[in-house]
């Protein structure tokens, strides 16, 4: 029986963890979670998102701009988030409307799609 979702994983290019932390921890304000010692040598980092985790792994040879895969964050005050992202040079992409939801999307510095 599936009880819920434990974590999601995205990837960034190898060696870009510092830039990834600047974006995810600095701009988005997500706290970093300590990875288990047995996994630290694999690169990447883990984030806390509410009571879930996002694992940011490293991977080469993948064009993140060609996929529909994405993470969708639930936030308070969507307009202030839009403003914050624009102030940090992040291009806002108007998404397809879904009744009952105010939303937009954007890409992280590595091309990962976020909503």
PDB file of N, CA and C in Angstrom:
ATOM      1  N   UNK A   1       0.838  -1.173   0.000  1.00  0.00           N
ATOM      2  CA  UNK A   1       0.000   0.000   0.000  1.00  0.00           C
ATOM      3  C   UNK A   1       0.892   1.249   0.000  1.00  0.00           C
ATOM      4  N   UNK A   2       0.662   2.172  -0.906  1.00  0.00           N
ATOM      5  CA  UNK A   2       1.404   3.435  -0.934  1.00  0.00           C
ATOM      6  C   UNK A   2       0.771   4.386   0.064  1.00  0.00           C
ATOM      7  N   UNK A   3       1.593   4.939   0.942  1.00  0.00           N
ATOM      8  CA  UNK A   3       1.098   5.818   1.998  1.00  0.00           C
ATOM      9  C   UNK A   3       1.229   7.297   1.680  1.00  0.00           C
ATOM     10  N   UNK A   4       2.117   7.647   0.781  1.00  0.00           N
ATOM     11  CA  UNK A   4       2.335   9.053   0.468  1.00  0.00           C
ATOM     12  C   UNK A   4       3.599   9.217  -0.341  1.00  0.00           C
ATOM     13  N   UNK A   5       3.998  10.459  -0.501  1.00  0.00           N
ATOM     14  CA  UNK A   5       5.206  10.775  -1.244  1.00  0.00           C
ATOM     15  C   UNK A   5       6.299  11.151  -0.262  1.00  0.00           C
ATOM     16  N   UNK A   6       7.433  10.474  -0.331  1.00  0.00           N
ATOM     17  CA  UNK A   6       8.544  10.748   0.575  1.00  0.00           C
ATOM     18  C   UNK A   6       9.410  11.887   0.057  1.00  0.00           C
ATOM     19  N   UNK A   7       9.832  11.812  -1.214  1.00  0.00           N
ATOM     20  CA  UNK A   7      10.661  12.871  -1.793  1.00  0.00           C
ATOM     21  C   UNK A   7      10.546  12.861  -3.315  1.00  0.00           C
ATOM     22  N   UNK A   8      11.011  13.939  -3.900  1.00  0.00           N
ATOM     23  CA  UNK A   8      11.147  14.036  -5.351  1.00  0.00           C
ATOM     24  C   UNK A   8      12.598  14.377  -5.633  1.00  0.00           C
ATOM     25  N   UNK A   9      13.078  14.018  -6.821  1.00  0.00           N
ATOM     26  CA  UNK A   9      14.461  14.335  -7.170  1.00  0.00           C
ATOM     27  C   UNK A   9      14.507  15.077  -8.492  1.00  0.00           C
ATOM     28  N   UNK A  10      15.358  16.085  -8.531  1.00  0.00           N
ATOM     29  CA  UNK A  10      15.711  16.773  -9.762  1.00  0.00           C
ATOM     30  C   UNK A  10      17.218  16.658  -9.899  1.00  0.00           C
ATOM     31  N   UNK A  11      17.736  17.027 -11.049  1.00  0.00           N
ATOM     32  CA  UNK A  11      19.186  16.974 -11.216  1.00  0.00           C
ATOM     33  C   UNK A  11      19.717  18.292 -11.757  1.00  0.00           C
ATOM     34  N   UNK A  12      20.973  18.521 -11.445  1.00  0.00           N
ATOM     35  CA  UNK A  12      21.730  19.663 -11.948  1.00  0.00           C
ATOM     36  C   UNK A  12      23.053  19.111 -12.470  1.00  0.00           C
ATOM     37  N   UNK A  13      23.757  19.866 -13.307  1.00  0.00           N
ATOM     38  CA  UNK A  13      25.038  19.349 -13.803  1.00  0.00           C
ATOM     39  C   UNK A  13      26.054  19.143 -12.674  1.00  0.00           C
ATOM     40  N   UNK A  14      26.929  18.162 -12.844  1.00  0.00           N
ATOM     41  CA  UNK A  14      27.979  17.895 -11.858  1.00  0.00           C
ATOM     42  C   UNK A  14      28.822  19.146 -11.642  1.00  0.00           C
ATOM     43  N   UNK A  15      29.171  19.403 -10.397  1.00  0.00           N
ATOM     44  CA  UNK A  15      30.029  20.524 -10.055  1.00  0.00           C
ATOM     45  C   UNK A  15      29.318  21.858  -9.894  1.00  0.00           C
ATOM     46  N   UNK A  16      27.989  21.878  -9.989  1.00  0.00           N
ATOM     47  CA  UNK A  16      27.248  23.140  -9.862  1.00  0.00           C
ATOM     48  C   UNK A  16      26.466  23.241  -8.548  1.00  0.00           C
ATOM     49  N   UNK A  17      26.874  22.441  -7.566  1.00  0.00           N
ATOM     50  CA  UNK A  17      26.140  22.441  -6.301  1.00  0.00           C
ATOM     51  C   UNK A  17      26.118  23.814  -5.621  1.00  0.00           C
ATOM     52  N   UNK A  18      27.224  24.561  -5.671  1.00  0.00           N
ATOM     53  CA  UNK A  18      27.237  25.882  -5.028  1.00  0.00           C
ATOM     54  C   UNK A  18      26.213  26.809  -5.670  1.00  0.00           C
ATOM     55  N   UNK A  19      26.153  26.801  -7.001  1.00  0.00           N
ATOM     56  CA  UNK A  19      25.167  27.618  -7.704  1.00  0.00           C
ATOM     57  C   UNK A  19      23.749  27.129  -7.387  1.00  0.00           C
ATOM     58  N   UNK A  20      23.580  25.823  -7.267  1.00  0.00           N
ATOM     59  CA  UNK A  20      22.281  25.264  -6.907  1.00  0.00           C
ATOM     60  C   UNK A  20      21.843  25.700  -5.517  1.00  0.00           C
ATOM     61  N   UNK A  21      22.768  25.680  -4.582  1.00  0.00           N
ATOM     62  CA  UNK A  21      22.448  26.137  -3.220  1.00  0.00           C
ATOM     63  C   UNK A  21      22.097  27.621  -3.202  1.00  0.00           C
ATOM     64  N   UNK A  22      22.826  28.423  -4.000  1.00  0.00           N
ATOM     65  CA  UNK A  22      22.518  29.859  -4.072  1.00  0.00           C
ATOM     66  C   UNK A  22      21.074  30.067  -4.517  1.00  0.00           C
ATOM     67  N   UNK A  23      20.639  29.285  -5.503  1.00  0.00           N
ATOM     68  CA  UNK A  23      19.280  29.430  -6.006  1.00  0.00           C
ATOM     69  C   UNK A  23      18.249  28.864  -5.031  1.00  0.00           C
ATOM     70  N   UNK A  24      18.393  27.584  -4.686  1.00  0.00           N
ATOM     71  CA  UNK A  24      17.362  26.915  -3.889  1.00  0.00           C
ATOM     72  C   UNK A  24      17.344  27.357  -2.429  1.00  0.00           C
ATOM     73  N   UNK A  25      18.497  27.516  -1.828  1.00  0.00           N
ATOM     74  CA  UNK A  25      18.553  27.939  -0.427  1.00  0.00           C
ATOM     75  C   UNK A  25      18.517  29.461  -0.312  1.00  0.00           C
ATOM     76  N   UNK A  26      19.272  30.154  -1.173  1.00  0.00           N
ATOM     77  CA  UNK A  26      19.355  31.604  -1.104  1.00  0.00           C
ATOM     78  C   UNK A  26      18.099  32.290  -1.607  1.00  0.00           C
ATOM     79  N   UNK A  27      17.760  32.108  -2.880  1.00  0.00           N
ATOM     80  CA  UNK A  27      16.610  32.805  -3.464  1.00  0.00           C
ATOM     81  C   UNK A  27      15.290  32.203  -3.005  1.00  0.00           C
ATOM     82  N   UNK A  28      15.148  30.879  -3.113  1.00  0.00           N
ATOM     83  CA  UNK A  28      13.875  30.257  -2.720  1.00  0.00           C
ATOM     84  C   UNK A  28      13.744  30.081  -1.208  1.00  0.00           C
ATOM     85  N   UNK A  29      14.855  30.136  -0.478  1.00  0.00           N
ATOM     86  CA  UNK A  29      14.796  30.059   0.981  1.00  0.00           C
ATOM     87  C   UNK A  29      14.530  28.674   1.544  1.00  0.00           C
ATOM     88  N   UNK A  30      14.822  27.635   0.772  1.00  0.00           N
ATOM     89  CA  UNK A  30      14.597  26.272   1.256  1.00  0.00           C
ATOM     90  C   UNK A  30      15.783  25.830   2.117  1.00  0.00           C
ATOM     91  N   UNK A  31      15.512  25.267   3.289  1.00  0.00           N
ATOM     92  CA  UNK A  31      16.621  24.790   4.124  1.00  0.00           C
ATOM     93  C   UNK A  31      17.241  23.513   3.571  1.00  0.00           C
ATOM     94  N   UNK A  32      18.562  23.440   3.691  1.00  0.00           N
ATOM     95  CA  UNK A  32      19.263  22.230   3.264  1.00  0.00           C
ATOM     96  C   UNK A  32      19.183  21.196   4.369  1.00  0.00           C
ATOM     97  N   UNK A  33      18.999  19.959   3.975  1.00  0.00           N
ATOM     98  CA  UNK A  33      18.965  18.837   4.909  1.00  0.00           C
ATOM     99  C   UNK A  33      20.260  18.049   4.753  1.00  0.00           C
ATOM    100  N   UNK A  34      20.795  17.582   5.840  1.00  0.00           N
ATOM    101  CA  UNK A  34      22.045  16.826   5.807  1.00  0.00           C
ATOM    102  C   UNK A  34      21.798  15.461   5.164  1.00  0.00           C
ATOM    103  N   UNK A  35      22.619  15.145   4.162  1.00  0.00           N
ATOM    104  CA  UNK A  35      22.535  13.840   3.513  1.00  0.00           C
ATOM    105  C   UNK A  35      23.199  12.796   4.408  1.00  0.00           C
ATOM    106  N   UNK A  36      22.750  11.556   4.334  1.00  0.00           N
ATOM    107  CA  UNK A  36      23.434  10.498   5.061  1.00  0.00           C
ATOM    108  C   UNK A  36      24.892  10.385   4.602  1.00  0.00           C
ATOM    109  N   UNK A  37      25.766  10.066   5.507  1.00  0.00           N
ATOM    110  CA  UNK A  37      27.201   9.950   5.224  1.00  0.00           C
ATOM    111  C   UNK A  37      27.457   9.032   4.024  1.00  0.00           C
ATOM    112  N   UNK A  38      26.701   7.954   3.911  1.00  0.00           N
ATOM    113  CA  UNK A  38      26.913   6.979   2.840  1.00  0.00           C
ATOM    114  C   UNK A  38      26.611   7.546   1.449  1.00  0.00           C
ATOM    115  N   UNK A  39      25.892   8.678   1.359  1.00  0.00           N
ATOM    116  CA  UNK A  39      25.514   9.251   0.064  1.00  0.00           C
ATOM    117  C   UNK A  39      26.246  10.546  -0.268  1.00  0.00           C
ATOM    118  N   UNK A  40      27.016  11.078   0.654  1.00  0.00           N
ATOM    119  CA  UNK A  40      27.662  12.372   0.439  1.00  0.00           C
ATOM    120  C   UNK A  40      28.624  12.370  -0.742  1.00  0.00           C
ATOM    121  N   UNK A  41      29.273  11.279  -1.031  1.00  0.00           N
ATOM    122  CA  UNK A  41      30.233  11.203  -2.120  1.00  0.00           C
ATOM    123  C   UNK A  41      29.611  11.222  -3.509  1.00  0.00           C
ATOM    124  N   UNK A  42      28.301  11.150  -3.582  1.00  0.00           N
ATOM    125  CA  UNK A  42      27.622  11.105  -4.874  1.00  0.00           C
ATOM    126  C   UNK A  42      27.323  12.496  -5.437  1.00  0.00           C
ATOM    127  N   UNK A  43      27.634  13.552  -4.674  1.00  0.00           N
ATOM    128  CA  UNK A  43      27.325  14.907  -5.116  1.00  0.00           C
ATOM    129  C   UNK A  43      25.892  15.281  -4.817  1.00  0.00           C
ATOM    130  N   UNK A  44      25.554  16.517  -5.155  1.00  0.00           N
ATOM    131  CA  UNK A  44      24.202  16.994  -4.931  1.00  0.00           C
ATOM    132  C   UNK A  44      23.956  17.377  -3.486  1.00  0.00           C
ATOM    133  N   UNK A  45      22.709  17.681  -3.191  1.00  0.00           N
ATOM    134  CA  UNK A  45      22.297  18.064  -1.841  1.00  0.00           C
ATOM    135  C   UNK A  45      20.792  17.826  -1.693  1.00  0.00           C
ATOM    136  N   UNK A  46      20.334  17.836  -0.466  1.00  0.00           N
ATOM    137  CA  UNK A  46      18.927  17.617  -0.179  1.00  0.00           C
ATOM    138  C   UNK A  46      18.320  18.867   0.430  1.00  0.00           C
ATOM    139  N   UNK A  47      17.034  19.083   0.155  1.00  0.00           N
ATOM    140  CA  UNK A  47      16.305  20.240   0.657  1.00  0.00           C
ATOM    141  C   UNK A  47      15.069  19.806   1.429  1.00  0.00           C
ATOM    142  N   UNK A  48      14.667  20.623   2.375  1.00  0.00           N
ATOM    143  CA  UNK A  48      13.404  20.419   3.087  1.00  0.00           C
ATOM    144  C   UNK A  48      12.352  21.308   2.448  1.00  0.00           C
ATOM    145  N   UNK A  49      11.213  20.721   2.123  1.00  0.00           N
ATOM    146  CA  UNK A  49      10.077  21.466   1.580  1.00  0.00           C
ATOM    147  C   UNK A  49       8.861  21.034   2.386  1.00  0.00           C
ATOM    148  N   UNK A  50       8.520  21.836   3.396  1.00  0.00           N
ATOM    149  CA  UNK A  50       7.453  21.423   4.308  1.00  0.00           C
ATOM    150  C   UNK A  50       7.866  20.144   4.997  1.00  0.00           C
ATOM    151  N   UNK A  51       7.015  19.132   4.934  1.00  0.00           N
ATOM    152  CA  UNK A  51       7.349  17.846   5.563  1.00  0.00           C
ATOM    153  C   UNK A  51       7.861  16.831   4.538  1.00  0.00           C
ATOM    154  N   UNK A  52       8.295  17.321   3.389  1.00  0.00           N
ATOM    155  CA  UNK A  52       8.841  16.470   2.336  1.00  0.00           C
ATOM    156  C   UNK A  52      10.273  16.899   2.014  1.00  0.00           C
ATOM    157  N   UNK A  53      10.902  16.182   1.116  1.00  0.00           N
ATOM    158  CA  UNK A  53      12.268  16.489   0.694  1.00  0.00           C
ATOM    159  C   UNK A  53      12.329  16.606  -0.821  1.00  0.00           C
ATOM    160  N   UNK A  54      13.228  17.443  -1.286  1.00  0.00           N
ATOM    161  CA  UNK A  54      13.623  17.465  -2.692  1.00  0.00           C
ATOM    162  C   UNK A  54      15.101  17.121  -2.708  1.00  0.00           C
ATOM    163  N   UNK A  55      15.449  16.073  -3.415  1.00  0.00           N
ATOM    164  CA  UNK A  55      16.841  15.668  -3.554  1.00  0.00           C
ATOM    165  C   UNK A  55      17.360  16.270  -4.855  1.00  0.00           C
ATOM    166  N   UNK A  56      18.423  17.041  -4.748  1.00  0.00           N
ATOM    167  CA  UNK A  56      19.052  17.641  -5.923  1.00  0.00           C
ATOM    168  C   UNK A  56      20.294  16.815  -6.216  1.00  0.00           C
ATOM    169  N   UNK A  57      20.190  15.971  -7.225  1.00  0.00           N
ATOM    170  CA  UNK A  57      21.297  15.114  -7.612  1.00  0.00           C
ATOM    171  C   UNK A  57      22.089  15.737  -8.746  1.00  0.00           C
ATOM    172  N   UNK A  58      23.161  15.091  -9.140  1.00  0.00           N
ATOM    173  CA  UNK A  58      23.958  15.584 -10.257  1.00  0.00           C
ATOM    174  C   UNK A  58      23.904  14.579 -11.394  1.00  0.00           C
ATOM    175  N   UNK A  59      23.870  15.115 -12.614  1.00  0.00           N
ATOM    176  CA  UNK A  59      23.739  14.266 -13.796  1.00  0.00           C
ATOM    177  C   UNK A  59      24.244  15.044 -15.009  1.00  0.00           C
ATOM    178  N   UNK A  60      25.006  14.391 -15.843  1.00  0.00           N
ATOM    179  CA  UNK A  60      25.518  15.006 -17.063  1.00  0.00           C
ATOM    180  C   UNK A  60      24.743  14.497 -18.275  1.00  0.00           C
ATOM    181  N   UNK A  61      24.808  15.270 -19.365  1.00  0.00           N
ATOM    182  CA  UNK A  61      24.258  14.811 -20.634  1.00  0.00           C
ATOM    183  C   UNK A  61      22.751  14.830 -20.723  1.00  0.00           C
ATOM    184  N   UNK A  62      22.095  15.699 -19.967  1.00  0.00           N
ATOM    185  CA  UNK A  62      20.638  15.740 -19.971  1.00  0.00           C
ATOM    186  C   UNK A  62      20.193  17.175 -20.197  1.00  0.00           C
ATOM    187  N   UNK A  63      19.351  17.419 -21.204  1.00  0.00           N
ATOM    188  CA  UNK A  63      18.843  18.749 -21.495  1.00  0.00           C
ATOM    189  C   UNK A  63      17.530  18.957 -20.752  1.00  0.00           C
ATOM    190  N   UNK A  64      17.601  19.654 -19.646  1.00  0.00           N
ATOM    191  CA  UNK A  64      16.440  19.865 -18.791  1.00  0.00           C
ATOM    192  C   UNK A  64      15.382  20.764 -19.428  1.00  0.00           C
ATOM    193  N   UNK A  65      15.752  21.490 -20.475  1.00  0.00           N
ATOM    194  CA  UNK A  65      14.798  22.377 -21.150  1.00  0.00           C
ATOM    195  C   UNK A  65      13.838  21.627 -22.066  1.00  0.00           C
ATOM    196  N   UNK A  66      14.074  20.350 -22.296  1.00  0.00           N
ATOM    197  CA  UNK A  66      13.249  19.592 -23.241  1.00  0.00           C
ATOM    198  C   UNK A  66      12.192  18.734 -22.557  1.00  0.00           C
ATOM    199  N   UNK A  67      12.055  18.819 -21.249  1.00  0.00           N
ATOM    200  CA  UNK A  67      11.125  17.941 -20.547  1.00  0.00           C
ATOM    201  C   UNK A  67       9.965  18.719 -19.932  1.00  0.00           C
ATOM    202  N   UNK A  68       8.848  18.042 -19.813  1.00  0.00           N
ATOM    203  CA  UNK A  68       7.701  18.605 -19.104  1.00  0.00           C
ATOM    204  C   UNK A  68       7.785  18.316 -17.605  1.00  0.00           C
ATOM    205  N   UNK A  69       8.739  17.486 -17.208  1.00  0.00           N
ATOM    206  CA  UNK A  69       8.884  17.152 -15.789  1.00  0.00           C
ATOM    207  C   UNK A  69       9.036  18.440 -14.986  1.00  0.00           C
ATOM    208  N   UNK A  70       8.467  18.472 -13.784  1.00  0.00           N
ATOM    209  CA  UNK A  70       8.534  19.686 -12.976  1.00  0.00           C
ATOM    210  C   UNK A  70       8.211  19.386 -11.517  1.00  0.00           C
ATOM    211  N   UNK A  71       8.560  20.344 -10.677  1.00  0.00           N
ATOM    212  CA  UNK A  71       8.104  20.387  -9.293  1.00  0.00           C
ATOM    213  C   UNK A  71       7.124  21.545  -9.198  1.00  0.00           C
ATOM    214  N   UNK A  72       6.072  21.386  -8.426  1.00  0.00           N
ATOM    215  CA  UNK A  72       5.100  22.454  -8.208  1.00  0.00           C
ATOM    216  C   UNK A  72       5.066  22.758  -6.714  1.00  0.00           C
ATOM    217  N   UNK A  73       5.450  23.986  -6.360  1.00  0.00           N
ATOM    218  CA  UNK A  73       5.467  24.406  -4.964  1.00  0.00           C
ATOM    219  C   UNK A  73       4.169  25.121  -4.624  1.00  0.00           C
ATOM    220  N   UNK A  74       3.660  24.851  -3.437  1.00  0.00           N
ATOM    221  CA  UNK A  74       2.507  25.575  -2.911  1.00  0.00           C
ATOM    222  C   UNK A  74       3.046  26.699  -2.037  1.00  0.00           C
ATOM    223  N   UNK A  75       2.624  27.939  -2.296  1.00  0.00           N
ATOM    224  CA  UNK A  75       3.166  29.096  -1.589  1.00  0.00           C
ATOM    225  C   UNK A  75       2.048  29.997  -1.074  1.00  0.00           C
ATOM    226  N   UNK A  76       2.402  30.859  -0.139  1.00  0.00           N
ATOM    227  CA  UNK A  76       1.525  31.949   0.281  1.00  0.00           C
ATOM    228  C   UNK A  76       1.942  33.175  -0.497  1.00  0.00           C
ATOM    229  N   UNK A  77       0.994  34.019  -0.851  1.00  0.00           N
ATOM    230  CA  UNK A  77       1.240  35.284  -1.521  1.00  0.00           C
ATOM    231  C   UNK A  77       2.003  35.096  -2.827  1.00  0.00           C
ATOM    232  N   UNK A  78       1.336  34.515  -3.784  1.00  0.00           N
ATOM    233  CA  UNK A  78       1.935  34.194  -5.076  1.00  0.00           C
ATOM    234  C   UNK A  78       2.541  35.424  -5.756  1.00  0.00           C
ATOM    235  N   UNK A  79       1.870  36.561  -5.648  1.00  0.00           N
ATOM    236  CA  UNK A  79       2.378  37.762  -6.324  1.00  0.00           C
ATOM    237  C   UNK A  79       3.711  38.226  -5.747  1.00  0.00           C
ATOM    238  N   UNK A  80       3.926  38.055  -4.441  1.00  0.00           N
ATOM    239  CA  UNK A  80       5.221  38.446  -3.866  1.00  0.00           C
ATOM    240  C   UNK A  80       6.320  37.497  -4.321  1.00  0.00           C
ATOM    241  N   UNK A  81       6.005  36.223  -4.520  1.00  0.00           N
ATOM    242  CA  UNK A  81       6.991  35.278  -5.046  1.00  0.00           C
ATOM    243  C   UNK A  81       7.353  35.624  -6.480  1.00  0.00           C
ATOM    244  N   UNK A  82       6.352  35.977  -7.261  1.00  0.00           N
ATOM    245  CA  UNK A  82       6.599  36.366  -8.651  1.00  0.00           C
ATOM    246  C   UNK A  82       7.530  37.575  -8.686  1.00  0.00           C
ATOM    247  N   UNK A  83       7.268  38.559  -7.845  1.00  0.00           N
ATOM    248  CA  UNK A  83       8.108  39.750  -7.771  1.00  0.00           C
ATOM    249  C   UNK A  83       9.534  39.414  -7.342  1.00  0.00           C
ATOM    250  N   UNK A  84       9.670  38.561  -6.325  1.00  0.00           N
ATOM    251  CA  UNK A  84      11.002  38.169  -5.838  1.00  0.00           C
ATOM    252  C   UNK A  84      11.809  37.480  -6.935  1.00  0.00           C
ATOM    253  N   UNK A  85      11.171  36.577  -7.652  1.00  0.00           N
ATOM    254  CA  UNK A  85      11.865  35.872  -8.726  1.00  0.00           C
ATOM    255  C   UNK A  85      12.296  36.836  -9.824  1.00  0.00           C
ATOM    256  N   UNK A  86      11.401  37.742 -10.214  1.00  0.00           N
ATOM    257  CA  UNK A  86      11.742  38.718 -11.249  1.00  0.00           C
ATOM    258  C   UNK A  86      12.891  39.618 -10.800  1.00  0.00           C
ATOM    259  N   UNK A  87      12.904  39.997  -9.523  1.00  0.00           N
ATOM    260  CA  UNK A  87      13.986  40.830  -8.995  1.00  0.00           C
ATOM    261  C   UNK A  87      15.326  40.104  -9.036  1.00  0.00           C
ATOM    262  N   UNK A  88      15.290  38.777  -9.047  1.00  0.00           N
ATOM    263  CA  UNK A  88      16.510  37.973  -9.110  1.00  0.00           C
ATOM    264  C   UNK A  88      16.812  37.489 -10.529  1.00  0.00           C
ATOM    265  N   UNK A  89      16.172  38.114 -11.506  1.00  0.00           N
ATOM    266  CA  UNK A  89      16.475  37.815 -12.903  1.00  0.00           C
ATOM    267  C   UNK A  89      15.868  36.531 -13.426  1.00  0.00           C
ATOM    268  N   UNK A  90      14.882  35.990 -12.730  1.00  0.00           N
ATOM    269  CA  UNK A  90      14.239  34.746 -13.164  1.00  0.00           C
ATOM    270  C   UNK A  90      13.069  35.101 -14.084  1.00  0.00           C
ATOM    271  N   UNK A  91      13.045  34.531 -15.279  1.00  0.00           N
ATOM    272  CA  UNK A  91      11.970  34.788 -16.230  1.00  0.00           C
ATOM    273  C   UNK A  91      10.715  34.033 -15.826  1.00  0.00           C
ATOM    274  N   UNK A  92       9.605  34.751 -15.723  1.00  0.00           N
ATOM    275  CA  UNK A  92       8.314  34.151 -15.399  1.00  0.00           C
ATOM    276  C   UNK A  92       7.653  33.695 -16.697  1.00  0.00           C
ATOM    277  N   UNK A  93       7.115  32.489 -16.675  1.00  0.00           N
ATOM    278  CA  UNK A  93       6.416  31.918 -17.827  1.00  0.00           C
ATOM    279  C   UNK A  93       4.970  31.700 -17.406  1.00  0.00           C
ATOM    280  N   UNK A  94       4.053  32.308 -18.134  1.00  0.00           N
ATOM    281  CA  UNK A  94       2.638  32.110 -17.808  1.00  0.00           C
ATOM    282  C   UNK A  94       2.243  30.700 -18.213  1.00  0.00           C
ATOM    283  N   UNK A  95       1.724  29.939 -17.257  1.00  0.00           N
ATOM    284  CA  UNK A  95       1.340  28.557 -17.514  1.00  0.00           C
ATOM    285  C   UNK A  95      -0.074  28.458 -18.044  1.00  0.00           C
ATOM    286  N   UNK A  96      -0.431  27.277 -18.455  1.00  0.00           N
ATOM    287  CA  UNK A  96      -1.797  27.021 -18.896  1.00  0.00           C
ATOM    288  C   UNK A  96      -2.730  27.182 -17.696  1.00  0.00           C
ATOM    289  N   UNK A  97      -3.831  27.890 -17.872  1.00  0.00           N
ATOM    290  CA  UNK A  97      -4.751  28.076 -16.742  1.00  0.00           C
ATOM    291  C   UNK A  97      -5.385  26.758 -16.300  1.00  0.00           C
ATOM    292  N   UNK A  98      -5.538  26.632 -15.002  1.00  0.00           N
ATOM    293  CA  UNK A  98      -6.269  25.506 -14.413  1.00  0.00           C
ATOM    294  C   UNK A  98      -7.311  26.124 -13.492  1.00  0.00           C
ATOM    295  N   UNK A  99      -8.582  25.821 -13.685  1.00  0.00           N
ATOM    296  CA  UNK A  99      -9.619  26.421 -12.833  1.00  0.00           C
ATOM    297  C   UNK A  99      -9.336  26.186 -11.348  1.00  0.00           C
ATOM    298  N   UNK A 100      -9.454  27.259 -10.569  1.00  0.00           N
ATOM    299  CA  UNK A 100      -9.255  27.166  -9.129  1.00  0.00           C
ATOM    300  C   UNK A 100      -7.823  27.367  -8.668  1.00  0.00           C
ATOM    301  N   UNK A 101      -6.891  27.592  -9.604  1.00  0.00           N
ATOM    302  CA  UNK A 101      -5.482  27.763  -9.239  1.00  0.00           C
ATOM    303  C   UNK A 101      -4.912  29.019  -9.892  1.00  0.00           C
ATOM    304  N   UNK A 102      -4.241  29.823  -9.103  1.00  0.00           N
ATOM    305  CA  UNK A 102      -3.418  30.907  -9.629  1.00  0.00           C
ATOM    306  C   UNK A 102      -2.009  30.358  -9.695  1.00  0.00           C
ATOM    307  N   UNK A 103      -1.346  30.494 -10.835  1.00  0.00           N
ATOM    308  CA  UNK A 103      -0.033  29.875 -10.967  1.00  0.00           C
ATOM    309  C   UNK A 103       0.780  30.510 -12.083  1.00  0.00           C
ATOM    310  N   UNK A 104       2.044  30.235 -12.061  1.00  0.00           N
ATOM    311  CA  UNK A 104       2.965  30.574 -13.126  1.00  0.00           C
ATOM    312  C   UNK A 104       4.099  29.569 -13.038  1.00  0.00           C
ATOM    313  N   UNK A 105       4.966  29.581 -14.016  1.00  0.00           N
ATOM    314  CA  UNK A 105       6.116  28.676 -13.966  1.00  0.00           C
ATOM    315  C   UNK A 105       7.387  29.435 -14.272  1.00  0.00           C
ATOM    316  N   UNK A 106       8.502  28.787 -13.999  1.00  0.00           N
ATOM    317  CA  UNK A 106       9.818  29.361 -14.260  1.00  0.00           C
ATOM    318  C   UNK A 106      10.821  28.228 -14.316  1.00  0.00           C
ATOM    319  N   UNK A 107      12.026  28.531 -14.728  1.00  0.00           N
ATOM    320  CA  UNK A 107      13.091  27.535 -14.798  1.00  0.00           C
ATOM    321  C   UNK A 107      14.189  27.911 -13.819  1.00  0.00           C
ATOM    322  N   UNK A 108      14.786  26.913 -13.185  1.00  0.00           N
ATOM    323  CA  UNK A 108      15.935  27.195 -12.329  1.00  0.00           C
ATOM    324  C   UNK A 108      17.145  27.473 -13.230  1.00  0.00           C
ATOM    325  N   UNK A 109      18.293  27.861 -12.683  1.00  0.00           N
ATOM    326  CA  UNK A 109      19.447  28.188 -13.528  1.00  0.00           C
ATOM    327  C   UNK A 109      19.935  27.022 -14.394  1.00  0.00           C
ATOM    328  N   UNK A 110      19.444  25.827 -14.147  1.00  0.00           N
ATOM    329  CA  UNK A 110      19.899  24.635 -14.863  1.00  0.00           C
ATOM    330  C   UNK A 110      18.865  24.150 -15.884  1.00  0.00           C
ATOM    331  N   UNK A 111      17.703  24.816 -15.929  1.00  0.00           N
ATOM    332  CA  UNK A 111      16.661  24.456 -16.872  1.00  0.00           C
ATOM    333  C   UNK A 111      15.517  23.649 -16.275  1.00  0.00           C
ATOM    334  N   UNK A 112      15.615  23.234 -15.016  1.00  0.00           N
ATOM    335  CA  UNK A 112      14.526  22.486 -14.394  1.00  0.00           C
ATOM    336  C   UNK A 112      13.280  23.360 -14.326  1.00  0.00           C
ATOM    337  N   UNK A 113      12.150  22.774 -14.683  1.00  0.00           N
ATOM    338  CA  UNK A 113      10.868  23.486 -14.703  1.00  0.00           C
ATOM    339  C   UNK A 113      10.264  23.466 -13.303  1.00  0.00           C
ATOM    340  N   UNK A 114       9.840  24.634 -12.851  1.00  0.00           N
ATOM    341  CA  UNK A 114       9.229  24.780 -11.531  1.00  0.00           C
ATOM    342  C   UNK A 114       7.931  25.547 -11.666  1.00  0.00           C
ATOM    343  N   UNK A 115       6.980  25.214 -10.809  1.00  0.00           N
ATOM    344  CA  UNK A 115       5.677  25.907 -10.804  1.00  0.00           C
ATOM    345  C   UNK A 115       5.362  26.328  -9.390  1.00  0.00           C
TER     346      UNK A 115
END
